[in-house]
Amino acid sequence: MPVLDAKDTISLLGVIVALGVSIKGIAEYRKAYRWKKAEFLAQEVKSFRQDADVKKVLLLLDWTNMPIQFPENGTSEKREVICTDDLLCSSLIPSDDVEFNDDETAVRLLFDQYLDKLGMFERYIQAKLITIDDIRPYLQYWIDAMCKSNKNGGRKEQKVIEQLWGFIDKYKFGSVRTLCEEFGHRMPVWKESASAIPHD
């Protein structure tokens, strides 16, 4: 067995030290990366939940006959509207050929903003900034609320869920559909010829 001389011993020790430094550096990098990712996610979730439009939609998904404050057209005043499941259905008709009243228009705008902001999380997943497991604790309840009717453990009537998904598909919130699929929900795809719930 060859015996290492002093020069070889020093070289070997140098390699071992360099390897140790590299391993420590990688570990510290990974720790910093995890911390940055957690910080980024916490900020995005906080921003999402504190958004005024998002807050209103989450209330509408969780409750029935919920009073919601809407701006009065052309003024700084607000009006209170009792948002029933029937109002949600008439508001979310997937059509460009329906004349919506002020309350329905306000609800449509709320959902438009909500879905756009919700879809951002899927875009973060696609960019590998976060994973589905990172976001699951924060969104699972609300994704379920969008996909499950009160017949299978959800909060809303089936007609509301169907109309919401017609709205999602009609207006091409594809990132929302992908996100819900990653949460395990396979929702029927709305077709343009599908009959919408009639508008009163």
C-alpha atoms as a PDB file:
ATOM      1  CA  MET A   1       0.000   0.000   0.000  1.00  0.00           C
ATOM      2  CA  PRO A   2       1.547   3.322  -1.037  1.00  0.00           C
ATOM      3  CA  VAL A   3       2.432   5.751   1.717  1.00  0.00           C
ATOM      4  CA  LEU A   4       1.462   9.380   1.265  1.00  0.00           C
ATOM      5  CA  ASP A   5       4.261  11.860   1.632  1.00  0.00           C
ATOM      6  CA  ALA A   6       3.771  15.243   3.258  1.00  0.00           C
ATOM      7  CA  LYS A   7       2.990  16.949  -0.043  1.00  0.00           C
ATOM      8  CA  ASP A   8       0.304  14.392  -0.952  1.00  0.00           C
ATOM      9  CA  THR A   9      -1.151  14.604   2.550  1.00  0.00           C
ATOM     10  CA  ILE A  10      -1.448  18.381   2.312  1.00  0.00           C
ATOM     11  CA  SER A  11      -3.062  18.101  -1.127  1.00  0.00           C
ATOM     12  CA  LEU A  12      -5.556  15.540   0.152  1.00  0.00           C
ATOM     13  CA  LEU A  13      -6.400  17.687   3.160  1.00  0.00           C
ATOM     14  CA  GLY A  14      -6.929  20.631   0.800  1.00  0.00           C
ATOM     15  CA  VAL A  15      -9.362  18.614  -1.291  1.00  0.00           C
ATOM     16  CA  ILE A  16     -11.245  17.474   1.832  1.00  0.00           C
ATOM     17  CA  VAL A  17     -11.484  21.036   3.150  1.00  0.00           C
ATOM     18  CA  ALA A  18     -12.626  22.351  -0.238  1.00  0.00           C
ATOM     19  CA  LEU A  19     -15.232  19.595  -0.439  1.00  0.00           C
ATOM     20  CA  GLY A  20     -16.452  20.419   3.052  1.00  0.00           C
ATOM     21  CA  VAL A  21     -16.717  24.107   2.178  1.00  0.00           C
ATOM     22  CA  SER A  22     -18.616  23.256  -1.011  1.00  0.00           C
ATOM     23  CA  ILE A  23     -21.077  21.004   0.832  1.00  0.00           C
ATOM     24  CA  LYS A  24     -21.618  23.668   3.493  1.00  0.00           C
ATOM     25  CA  GLY A  25     -22.133  26.282   0.781  1.00  0.00           C
ATOM     26  CA  ILE A  26     -24.695  24.135  -1.006  1.00  0.00           C
ATOM     27  CA  ALA A  27     -26.542  23.487   2.270  1.00  0.00           C
ATOM     28  CA  GLU A  28     -26.603  27.187   3.093  1.00  0.00           C
ATOM     29  CA  TYR A  29     -27.774  28.018  -0.432  1.00  0.00           C
ATOM     30  CA  ARG A  30     -30.626  25.517  -0.166  1.00  0.00           C
ATOM     31  CA  LYS A  31     -31.600  26.863   3.235  1.00  0.00           C
ATOM     32  CA  ALA A  32     -31.587  30.435   1.915  1.00  0.00           C
ATOM     33  CA  TYR A  33     -33.581  29.344  -1.152  1.00  0.00           C
ATOM     34  CA  ARG A  34     -36.221  27.657   1.005  1.00  0.00           C
ATOM     35  CA  TRP A  35     -36.446  30.743   3.182  1.00  0.00           C
ATOM     36  CA  LYS A  36     -36.790  33.043   0.176  1.00  0.00           C
ATOM     37  CA  LYS A  37     -39.447  30.795  -1.345  1.00  0.00           C
ATOM     38  CA  ALA A  38     -41.403  30.714   1.932  1.00  0.00           C
ATOM     39  CA  GLU A  39     -41.113  34.494   2.208  1.00  0.00           C
ATOM     40  CA  PHE A  40     -42.286  34.953  -1.383  1.00  0.00           C
ATOM     41  CA  LEU A  41     -45.229  32.585  -0.912  1.00  0.00           C
ATOM     42  CA  ALA A  42     -46.300  34.209   2.359  1.00  0.00           C
ATOM     43  CA  GLN A  43     -46.287  37.635   0.703  1.00  0.00           C
ATOM     44  CA  GLU A  44     -48.284  36.436  -2.312  1.00  0.00           C
ATOM     45  CA  VAL A  45     -50.869  34.645  -0.171  1.00  0.00           C
ATOM     46  CA  LYS A  46     -51.200  37.703   2.079  1.00  0.00           C
ATOM     47  CA  SER A  47     -51.654  39.970  -0.936  1.00  0.00           C
ATOM     48  CA  PHE A  48     -54.259  37.584  -2.397  1.00  0.00           C
ATOM     49  CA  ARG A  49     -56.279  37.315   0.796  1.00  0.00           C
ATOM     50  CA  GLN A  50     -56.178  41.029   1.546  1.00  0.00           C
ATOM     51  CA  ASP A  51     -57.384  42.044  -1.906  1.00  0.00           C
ATOM     52  CA  ALA A  52     -60.843  43.609  -1.570  1.00  0.00           C
ATOM     53  CA  ASP A  53     -62.310  41.799  -4.596  1.00  0.00           C
ATOM     54  CA  VAL A  54     -60.882  38.454  -3.523  1.00  0.00           C
ATOM     55  CA  LYS A  55     -62.327  38.863  -0.015  1.00  0.00           C
ATOM     56  CA  LYS A  56     -65.796  39.417  -1.472  1.00  0.00           C
ATOM     57  CA  VAL A  57     -65.634  36.398  -3.773  1.00  0.00           C
ATOM     58  CA  LEU A  58     -64.431  34.166  -0.931  1.00  0.00           C
ATOM     59  CA  LEU A  59     -67.473  35.276   1.065  1.00  0.00           C
ATOM     60  CA  LEU A  60     -69.735  34.519  -1.900  1.00  0.00           C
ATOM     61  CA  LEU A  61     -68.209  31.048  -2.295  1.00  0.00           C
ATOM     62  CA  ASP A  62     -68.586  30.287   1.396  1.00  0.00           C
ATOM     63  CA  TRP A  63     -72.038  31.664   2.167  1.00  0.00           C
ATOM     64  CA  THR A  64     -75.503  32.103   0.693  1.00  0.00           C
ATOM     65  CA  ASN A  65     -77.535  35.322   0.950  1.00  0.00           C
ATOM     66  CA  MET A  66     -74.379  37.251   1.781  1.00  0.00           C
ATOM     67  CA  PRO A  67     -74.646  41.070   1.889  1.00  0.00           C
ATOM     68  CA  ILE A  68     -71.876  42.612  -0.220  1.00  0.00           C
ATOM     69  CA  GLN A  69     -71.020  46.289  -0.614  1.00  0.00           C
ATOM     70  CA  PHE A  70     -70.771  47.452  -4.230  1.00  0.00           C
ATOM     71  CA  PRO A  71     -69.800  50.912  -5.472  1.00  0.00           C
ATOM     72  CA  GLU A  72     -72.724  53.001  -6.660  1.00  0.00           C
ATOM     73  CA  ASN A  73     -72.229  53.865 -10.320  1.00  0.00           C
ATOM     74  CA  GLY A  74     -70.658  57.272 -10.798  1.00  0.00           C
ATOM     75  CA  THR A  75     -70.484  58.114  -7.067  1.00  0.00           C
ATOM     76  CA  SER A  76     -68.373  57.364  -4.013  1.00  0.00           C
ATOM     77  CA  GLU A  77     -71.429  55.868  -2.308  1.00  0.00           C
ATOM     78  CA  LYS A  78     -71.842  52.145  -1.810  1.00  0.00           C
ATOM     79  CA  ARG A  79     -74.926  50.005  -2.028  1.00  0.00           C
ATOM     80  CA  GLU A  80     -75.510  46.747  -0.208  1.00  0.00           C
ATOM     81  CA  VAL A  81     -76.625  43.794  -2.305  1.00  0.00           C
ATOM     82  CA  ILE A  82     -77.814  40.461  -0.928  1.00  0.00           C
ATOM     83  CA  CYS A  83     -75.948  37.978  -3.121  1.00  0.00           C
ATOM     84  CA  THR A  84     -78.020  34.836  -3.469  1.00  0.00           C
ATOM     85  CA  ASP A  85     -77.118  31.726  -5.445  1.00  0.00           C
ATOM     86  CA  ASP A  86     -79.668  32.834  -8.045  1.00  0.00           C
ATOM     87  CA  LEU A  87     -77.835  36.151  -8.425  1.00  0.00           C
ATOM     88  CA  LEU A  88     -74.527  34.301  -8.823  1.00  0.00           C
ATOM     89  CA  CYS A  89     -76.042  32.121 -11.537  1.00  0.00           C
ATOM     90  CA  SER A  90     -77.499  35.018 -13.495  1.00  0.00           C
ATOM     91  CA  SER A  91     -74.270  36.993 -13.100  1.00  0.00           C
ATOM     92  CA  LEU A  92     -71.957  34.225 -14.307  1.00  0.00           C
ATOM     93  CA  ILE A  93     -73.768  33.307 -17.502  1.00  0.00           C
ATOM     94  CA  PRO A  94     -71.005  32.542 -20.017  1.00  0.00           C
ATOM     95  CA  SER A  95     -72.252  34.825 -22.749  1.00  0.00           C
ATOM     96  CA  ASP A  96     -71.384  38.122 -24.411  1.00  0.00           C
ATOM     97  CA  ASP A  97     -74.926  38.543 -25.736  1.00  0.00           C
ATOM     98  CA  VAL A  98     -76.756  39.085 -22.445  1.00  0.00           C
ATOM     99  CA  GLU A  99     -77.600  42.458 -20.965  1.00  0.00           C
ATOM    100  CA  PHE A 100     -76.621  42.291 -17.304  1.00  0.00           C
ATOM    101  CA  ASN A 101     -78.037  44.616 -14.659  1.00  0.00           C
ATOM    102  CA  ASP A 102     -75.810  46.628 -12.297  1.00  0.00           C
ATOM    103  CA  ASP A 103     -75.675  43.950  -9.591  1.00  0.00           C
ATOM    104  CA  GLU A 104     -74.866  41.184 -12.069  1.00  0.00           C
ATOM    105  CA  THR A 105     -72.187  43.295 -13.722  1.00  0.00           C
ATOM    106  CA  ALA A 106     -70.616  44.007 -10.323  1.00  0.00           C
ATOM    107  CA  VAL A 107     -70.549  40.270  -9.499  1.00  0.00           C
ATOM    108  CA  ARG A 108     -69.024  39.428 -12.898  1.00  0.00           C
ATOM    109  CA  LEU A 109     -66.273  41.993 -12.368  1.00  0.00           C
ATOM    110  CA  LEU A 110     -65.537  40.556  -8.913  1.00  0.00           C
ATOM    111  CA  PHE A 111     -65.148  37.031 -10.272  1.00  0.00           C
ATOM    112  CA  ASP A 112     -63.102  38.254 -13.210  1.00  0.00           C
ATOM    113  CA  GLN A 113     -60.609  39.859 -10.817  1.00  0.00           C
ATOM    114  CA  TYR A 114     -60.648  36.894  -8.443  1.00  0.00           C
ATOM    115  CA  LEU A 115     -59.996  34.305 -11.142  1.00  0.00           C
ATOM    116  CA  ASP A 116     -57.188  36.354 -12.635  1.00  0.00           C
ATOM    117  CA  LYS A 117     -55.471  36.626  -9.242  1.00  0.00           C
ATOM    118  CA  LEU A 118     -56.083  32.958  -8.417  1.00  0.00           C
ATOM    119  CA  GLY A 119     -54.579  31.896 -11.733  1.00  0.00           C
ATOM    120  CA  MET A 120     -51.356  33.694 -10.816  1.00  0.00           C
ATOM    121  CA  PHE A 121     -50.526  30.869  -8.405  1.00  0.00           C
ATOM    122  CA  GLU A 122     -50.569  28.387 -11.285  1.00  0.00           C
ATOM    123  CA  ARG A 123     -48.257  30.646 -13.247  1.00  0.00           C
ATOM    124  CA  TYR A 124     -45.879  30.644 -10.275  1.00  0.00           C
ATOM    125  CA  ILE A 125     -46.018  26.837 -10.235  1.00  0.00           C
ATOM    126  CA  GLN A 126     -45.263  26.692 -13.965  1.00  0.00           C
ATOM    127  CA  ALA A 127     -42.301  29.025 -13.411  1.00  0.00           C
ATOM    128  CA  LYS A 128     -41.105  26.669 -10.630  1.00  0.00           C
ATOM    129  CA  LEU A 129     -41.198  29.434  -8.043  1.00  0.00           C
ATOM    130  CA  ILE A 130     -43.492  27.307  -5.855  1.00  0.00           C
ATOM    131  CA  THR A 131     -44.999  23.819  -5.923  1.00  0.00           C
ATOM    132  CA  ILE A 132     -48.573  22.636  -5.600  1.00  0.00           C
ATOM    133  CA  ASP A 133     -47.733  21.274  -2.145  1.00  0.00           C
ATOM    134  CA  ASP A 134     -46.442  24.699  -1.086  1.00  0.00           C
ATOM    135  CA  ILE A 135     -49.754  26.329  -1.908  1.00  0.00           C
ATOM    136  CA  ARG A 136     -52.107  23.505  -0.916  1.00  0.00           C
ATOM    137  CA  PRO A 137     -52.615  24.565   2.747  1.00  0.00           C
ATOM    138  CA  TYR A 138     -53.672  28.049   1.671  1.00  0.00           C
ATOM    139  CA  LEU A 139     -55.968  27.253  -1.256  1.00  0.00           C
ATOM    140  CA  GLN A 140     -57.399  23.755  -0.703  1.00  0.00           C
ATOM    141  CA  TYR A 141     -60.611  24.970   0.947  1.00  0.00           C
ATOM    142  CA  TRP A 142     -61.327  27.557  -1.725  1.00  0.00           C
ATOM    143  CA  ILE A 143     -60.499  25.277  -4.646  1.00  0.00           C
ATOM    144  CA  ASP A 144     -62.892  22.702  -3.152  1.00  0.00           C
ATOM    145  CA  ALA A 145     -65.544  25.419  -2.798  1.00  0.00           C
ATOM    146  CA  MET A 146     -65.268  26.140  -6.529  1.00  0.00           C
ATOM    147  CA  CYS A 147     -65.435  22.490  -7.552  1.00  0.00           C
ATOM    148  CA  LYS A 148     -67.699  20.662  -5.095  1.00  0.00           C
ATOM    149  CA  SER A 149     -71.436  21.201  -4.883  1.00  0.00           C
ATOM    150  CA  ASN A 150     -73.444  20.854  -1.681  1.00  0.00           C
ATOM    151  CA  LYS A 151     -74.299  17.333  -2.859  1.00  0.00           C
ATOM    152  CA  ASN A 152     -70.709  16.170  -2.444  1.00  0.00           C
ATOM    153  CA  GLY A 153     -69.431  18.153   0.512  1.00  0.00           C
ATOM    154  CA  GLY A 154     -69.252  21.640  -0.996  1.00  0.00           C
ATOM    155  CA  ARG A 155     -70.949  24.894  -0.077  1.00  0.00           C
ATOM    156  CA  LYS A 156     -72.811  25.934  -3.232  1.00  0.00           C
ATOM    157  CA  GLU A 157     -75.636  24.459  -5.265  1.00  0.00           C
ATOM    158  CA  GLN A 158     -74.701  22.433  -8.338  1.00  0.00           C
ATOM    159  CA  LYS A 159     -76.139  25.100 -10.648  1.00  0.00           C
ATOM    160  CA  VAL A 160     -73.700  27.680  -9.222  1.00  0.00           C
ATOM    161  CA  ILE A 161     -70.711  25.376  -9.734  1.00  0.00           C
ATOM    162  CA  GLU A 162     -71.774  24.648 -13.325  1.00  0.00           C
ATOM    163  CA  GLN A 163     -72.267  28.316 -14.114  1.00  0.00           C
ATOM    164  CA  LEU A 164     -68.945  29.269 -12.542  1.00  0.00           C
ATOM    165  CA  TRP A 165     -67.106  26.710 -14.673  1.00  0.00           C
ATOM    166  CA  GLY A 166     -68.905  27.901 -17.769  1.00  0.00           C
ATOM    167  CA  PHE A 167     -67.602  31.390 -16.933  1.00  0.00           C
ATOM    168  CA  ILE A 168     -64.068  30.044 -16.335  1.00  0.00           C
ATOM    169  CA  ASP A 169     -63.963  28.244 -19.675  1.00  0.00           C
ATOM    170  CA  LYS A 170     -65.774  30.878 -21.724  1.00  0.00           C
ATOM    171  CA  TYR A 171     -63.379  33.606 -20.645  1.00  0.00           C
ATOM    172  CA  LYS A 172     -60.312  31.357 -20.859  1.00  0.00           C
ATOM    173  CA  PHE A 173     -59.067  31.230 -17.290  1.00  0.00           C
ATOM    174  CA  GLY A 174     -57.043  28.178 -18.275  1.00  0.00           C
ATOM    175  CA  SER A 175     -54.550  28.592 -15.447  1.00  0.00           C
ATOM    176  CA  VAL A 176     -57.421  28.273 -12.960  1.00  0.00           C
ATOM    177  CA  ARG A 177     -58.596  25.045 -14.584  1.00  0.00           C
ATOM    178  CA  THR A 178     -55.040  23.661 -14.496  1.00  0.00           C
ATOM    179  CA  LEU A 179     -54.646  24.671 -10.850  1.00  0.00           C
ATOM    180  CA  CYS A 180     -57.894  22.940  -9.870  1.00  0.00           C
ATOM    181  CA  GLU A 181     -56.810  19.812 -11.744  1.00  0.00           C
ATOM    182  CA  GLU A 182     -53.563  19.809  -9.782  1.00  0.00           C
ATOM    183  CA  PHE A 183     -55.720  19.856  -6.644  1.00  0.00           C
ATOM    184  CA  GLY A 184     -57.421  16.697  -7.924  1.00  0.00           C
ATOM    185  CA  HIS A 185     -60.599  18.154  -9.478  1.00  0.00           C
ATOM    186  CA  ARG A 186     -61.544  17.163 -13.028  1.00  0.00           C
ATOM    187  CA  MET A 187     -64.335  19.547 -13.928  1.00  0.00           C
ATOM    188  CA  PRO A 188     -66.504  19.049 -17.043  1.00  0.00           C
ATOM    189  CA  VAL A 189     -65.361  21.272 -19.882  1.00  0.00           C
ATOM    190  CA  TRP A 190     -67.957  23.850 -20.892  1.00  0.00           C
ATOM    191  CA  LYS A 191     -68.898  23.918 -24.563  1.00  0.00           C
ATOM    192  CA  GLU A 192     -70.008  27.060 -26.382  1.00  0.00           C
ATOM    193  CA  SER A 193     -73.223  25.312 -27.402  1.00  0.00           C
ATOM    194  CA  ALA A 194     -73.981  24.244 -23.828  1.00  0.00           C
ATOM    195  CA  SER A 195     -77.235  25.652 -22.532  1.00  0.00           C
ATOM    196  CA  ALA A 196     -76.699  28.274 -19.880  1.00  0.00           C
ATOM    197  CA  ILE A 197     -79.067  28.804 -16.987  1.00  0.00           C
ATOM    198  CA  PRO A 198     -81.592  31.276 -18.390  1.00  0.00           C
ATOM    199  CA  HIS A 199     -81.300  34.928 -17.543  1.00  0.00           C
ATOM    200  CA  ASP A 200     -84.438  36.434 -16.052  1.00  0.00           C
END
